N, C-alpha and C. Protein backbone atom coordinates (compact mmCIF):
# COMPACT_ATOMS: atom_id res chain seq x y z
N MET A 1 104.63 91.56 79.64
CA MET A 1 103.53 90.89 80.28
C MET A 1 102.54 91.93 80.82
N THR A 2 101.30 91.52 80.91
CA THR A 2 100.23 92.38 81.37
C THR A 2 99.56 91.77 82.59
N TYR A 3 99.14 92.61 83.52
CA TYR A 3 98.48 92.16 84.74
C TYR A 3 97.01 92.58 84.69
N ILE A 4 96.11 91.63 84.95
CA ILE A 4 94.68 91.91 84.94
C ILE A 4 94.06 91.48 86.26
N ILE A 5 92.86 91.98 86.53
CA ILE A 5 92.11 91.62 87.73
C ILE A 5 91.02 90.64 87.32
N MET A 6 90.88 89.57 88.06
CA MET A 6 89.83 88.58 87.81
C MET A 6 89.04 88.36 89.08
N THR A 7 87.74 88.10 88.91
CA THR A 7 86.89 87.75 90.04
C THR A 7 86.18 86.45 89.73
N ALA A 8 85.83 85.73 90.78
CA ALA A 8 85.10 84.47 90.63
C ALA A 8 84.34 84.18 91.91
N SER A 9 83.32 83.36 91.81
CA SER A 9 82.60 82.96 93.01
C SER A 9 83.44 81.95 93.78
N ALA A 10 83.27 81.94 95.10
CA ALA A 10 84.07 81.05 95.94
C ALA A 10 83.18 80.01 96.60
N LYS A 11 83.70 78.81 96.72
CA LYS A 11 82.99 77.77 97.44
C LYS A 11 83.41 77.83 98.90
N VAL A 12 82.44 77.83 99.78
CA VAL A 12 82.70 77.82 101.21
C VAL A 12 81.95 76.65 101.83
N SER A 13 82.40 76.20 102.97
CA SER A 13 81.80 75.03 103.58
C SER A 13 80.98 75.40 104.81
N GLY A 14 80.18 74.47 105.23
CA GLY A 14 79.43 74.65 106.47
C GLY A 14 78.30 75.65 106.36
N LYS A 15 78.04 76.32 107.46
CA LYS A 15 76.93 77.27 107.53
C LYS A 15 77.20 78.57 106.80
N ALA A 16 78.42 78.79 106.36
CA ALA A 16 78.74 80.03 105.66
C ALA A 16 77.92 80.17 104.38
N ARG A 17 77.53 79.06 103.78
CA ARG A 17 76.72 79.10 102.57
C ARG A 17 75.35 79.70 102.83
N GLN A 18 74.84 79.54 104.01
CA GLN A 18 73.51 80.03 104.33
C GLN A 18 73.47 81.53 104.56
N PHE A 19 74.58 82.12 104.92
CA PHE A 19 74.56 83.50 105.40
C PHE A 19 75.09 84.53 104.41
N GLY A 20 75.43 84.16 103.20
CA GLY A 20 75.88 85.18 102.27
C GLY A 20 76.60 84.62 101.07
N ARG A 21 77.08 85.54 100.25
CA ARG A 21 77.82 85.18 99.04
C ARG A 21 79.29 85.46 99.27
N TYR A 22 80.14 84.66 98.65
CA TYR A 22 81.58 84.80 98.78
C TYR A 22 82.22 84.79 97.41
N GLY A 23 83.33 85.50 97.27
CA GLY A 23 84.02 85.57 95.99
C GLY A 23 85.53 85.66 96.15
N HIS A 24 86.24 85.36 95.08
CA HIS A 24 87.70 85.49 95.00
C HIS A 24 88.03 86.70 94.14
N VAL A 25 89.11 87.37 94.46
CA VAL A 25 89.67 88.42 93.62
C VAL A 25 91.14 88.07 93.43
N ALA A 26 91.63 88.19 92.21
CA ALA A 26 93.01 87.84 91.93
C ALA A 26 93.62 88.79 90.92
N VAL A 27 94.93 89.00 91.04
CA VAL A 27 95.71 89.71 90.03
C VAL A 27 96.50 88.64 89.30
N VAL A 28 96.29 88.57 87.97
CA VAL A 28 96.86 87.50 87.16
C VAL A 28 97.75 88.10 86.09
N GLU A 29 98.92 87.50 85.89
CA GLU A 29 99.81 87.91 84.81
C GLU A 29 99.48 87.08 83.58
N VAL A 30 99.14 87.76 82.47
CA VAL A 30 98.78 87.08 81.23
C VAL A 30 99.81 87.37 80.15
N GLU A 31 99.81 86.53 79.11
CA GLU A 31 100.81 86.66 78.05
C GLU A 31 100.57 87.89 77.17
N THR A 32 99.33 88.13 76.78
CA THR A 32 99.00 89.27 75.92
C THR A 32 97.87 90.09 76.55
N PRO A 33 97.78 91.38 76.25
CA PRO A 33 96.76 92.23 76.87
C PRO A 33 95.32 91.83 76.53
N ASP A 34 95.10 91.21 75.37
CA ASP A 34 93.74 90.84 74.98
C ASP A 34 93.31 89.46 75.47
N THR A 35 94.15 88.78 76.24
CA THR A 35 93.82 87.46 76.77
C THR A 35 92.85 87.59 77.94
N VAL A 36 91.78 86.80 77.92
CA VAL A 36 90.83 86.72 79.03
C VAL A 36 90.74 85.26 79.44
N PRO A 37 91.42 84.87 80.52
CA PRO A 37 91.40 83.47 80.94
C PRO A 37 90.00 83.05 81.41
N ALA A 38 89.74 81.76 81.32
CA ALA A 38 88.44 81.23 81.70
C ALA A 38 88.31 81.04 83.20
N MET A 39 89.43 80.92 83.91
CA MET A 39 89.38 80.67 85.34
C MET A 39 90.62 81.25 86.02
N ILE A 40 90.53 81.40 87.34
CA ILE A 40 91.68 81.86 88.11
C ILE A 40 92.52 80.63 88.44
N SER A 41 93.46 80.34 87.56
CA SER A 41 94.31 79.17 87.74
C SER A 41 95.55 79.34 86.86
N GLU A 42 96.66 78.80 87.32
CA GLU A 42 97.87 78.84 86.51
C GLU A 42 97.78 77.89 85.33
N ARG A 43 96.82 76.97 85.36
CA ARG A 43 96.63 76.04 84.26
C ARG A 43 95.79 76.63 83.13
N ALA A 44 95.15 77.77 83.36
CA ALA A 44 94.30 78.38 82.34
C ALA A 44 95.15 78.86 81.16
N LYS A 45 94.55 78.80 79.99
CA LYS A 45 95.25 79.19 78.77
C LYS A 45 95.57 80.69 78.79
N GLY A 46 96.83 81.04 78.56
CA GLY A 46 97.26 82.43 78.52
C GLY A 46 97.77 82.98 79.83
N VAL A 47 97.63 82.23 80.93
CA VAL A 47 98.06 82.70 82.25
C VAL A 47 99.52 82.31 82.48
N VAL A 48 100.32 83.30 82.89
CA VAL A 48 101.71 83.04 83.24
C VAL A 48 101.82 82.67 84.71
N ARG A 49 101.21 83.49 85.58
CA ARG A 49 101.22 83.21 87.02
C ARG A 49 100.15 84.03 87.71
N ILE A 50 99.80 83.60 88.93
CA ILE A 50 98.89 84.35 89.77
C ILE A 50 99.74 85.17 90.73
N VAL A 51 99.64 86.47 90.64
CA VAL A 51 100.46 87.36 91.46
C VAL A 51 99.90 87.48 92.87
N TRP A 52 98.59 87.67 92.98
CA TRP A 52 97.95 87.85 94.29
C TRP A 52 96.55 87.28 94.23
N ASP A 53 96.16 86.58 95.30
CA ASP A 53 94.81 86.00 95.40
C ASP A 53 94.26 86.34 96.78
N SER A 54 93.03 86.82 96.82
CA SER A 54 92.45 87.25 98.09
C SER A 54 91.93 86.09 98.93
N GLY A 55 91.63 84.98 98.31
CA GLY A 55 90.94 83.91 99.02
C GLY A 55 89.46 84.23 99.05
N ALA A 56 88.70 83.49 99.83
CA ALA A 56 87.25 83.70 99.89
C ALA A 56 86.94 84.96 100.71
N CYS A 57 86.23 85.91 100.08
CA CYS A 57 85.85 87.16 100.73
C CYS A 57 84.34 87.31 100.69
N SER A 58 83.78 87.82 101.75
CA SER A 58 82.35 88.06 101.82
C SER A 58 81.96 89.23 100.92
N ILE A 59 80.93 89.02 100.10
CA ILE A 59 80.45 90.08 99.21
C ILE A 59 79.34 90.81 99.94
N GLY A 60 79.61 92.05 100.32
CA GLY A 60 78.64 92.85 101.06
C GLY A 60 78.03 93.93 100.20
N LYS A 61 77.22 94.77 100.83
CA LYS A 61 76.52 95.83 100.11
C LYS A 61 77.29 97.14 100.07
N THR A 62 78.28 97.31 100.94
CA THR A 62 78.98 98.59 101.01
C THR A 62 80.43 98.43 100.56
N GLU A 63 81.12 99.56 100.51
CA GLU A 63 82.53 99.56 100.13
C GLU A 63 83.43 99.06 101.25
N LYS A 64 82.88 98.84 102.43
CA LYS A 64 83.66 98.34 103.55
C LYS A 64 83.70 96.81 103.60
N SER A 65 82.99 96.15 102.69
CA SER A 65 82.97 94.69 102.68
C SER A 65 84.35 94.16 102.27
N ALA A 66 84.61 92.94 102.64
CA ALA A 66 85.91 92.32 102.34
C ALA A 66 86.15 92.22 100.84
N PHE A 67 85.12 91.91 100.07
CA PHE A 67 85.26 91.78 98.63
C PHE A 67 85.59 93.13 97.99
N ALA A 68 84.92 94.19 98.42
CA ALA A 68 85.18 95.52 97.86
C ALA A 68 86.59 96.00 98.19
N ARG A 69 87.03 95.72 99.43
CA ARG A 69 88.40 96.11 99.81
C ARG A 69 89.44 95.31 99.03
N ALA A 70 89.18 94.01 98.82
CA ALA A 70 90.11 93.17 98.05
C ALA A 70 90.17 93.64 96.61
N LYS A 71 89.03 94.03 96.04
CA LYS A 71 89.00 94.51 94.67
C LYS A 71 89.76 95.83 94.53
N ALA A 72 89.63 96.71 95.52
CA ALA A 72 90.37 97.97 95.50
C ALA A 72 91.87 97.73 95.59
N HIS A 73 92.26 96.80 96.47
CA HIS A 73 93.69 96.47 96.60
C HIS A 73 94.22 95.87 95.29
N ALA A 74 93.45 95.00 94.66
CA ALA A 74 93.86 94.38 93.40
C ALA A 74 94.00 95.43 92.29
N THR A 75 93.11 96.41 92.28
CA THR A 75 93.18 97.47 91.28
C THR A 75 94.45 98.28 91.43
N GLU A 76 94.80 98.64 92.67
CA GLU A 76 96.04 99.38 92.92
C GLU A 76 97.26 98.56 92.54
N LEU A 77 97.27 97.27 92.89
CA LEU A 77 98.41 96.41 92.61
C LEU A 77 98.59 96.24 91.10
N ALA A 78 97.51 96.01 90.37
CA ALA A 78 97.60 95.84 88.92
C ALA A 78 98.08 97.12 88.25
N ALA A 79 97.60 98.27 88.73
CA ALA A 79 98.04 99.54 88.15
C ALA A 79 99.53 99.77 88.40
N THR A 80 100.00 99.42 89.59
CA THR A 80 101.42 99.56 89.92
C THR A 80 102.28 98.64 89.05
N LEU A 81 101.85 97.40 88.88
CA LEU A 81 102.62 96.43 88.11
C LEU A 81 102.61 96.75 86.61
N ASN A 82 101.52 97.31 86.11
CA ASN A 82 101.42 97.65 84.69
C ASN A 82 102.17 98.93 84.35
N ALA A 83 102.49 99.75 85.35
CA ALA A 83 103.18 101.03 85.08
C ALA A 83 104.63 100.82 84.73
């Protein structure tokens, strides 16, 4: 099995929509290395399971933003699992 990193936009409620963009980061286990699922879901074609999901993270301009930190964590986790 192969582990890949996926990103997607996140839906948020209330006033959070007015103040910025939000996204999900996930580490997904897929059946084959060339599989690119259409969505972050266990129901997507080729997905075995979702290993880690960040939830809704604020997308900022710097590397200190929640989205950038979640993406860095996902990269480390996927590299560890693929080794």
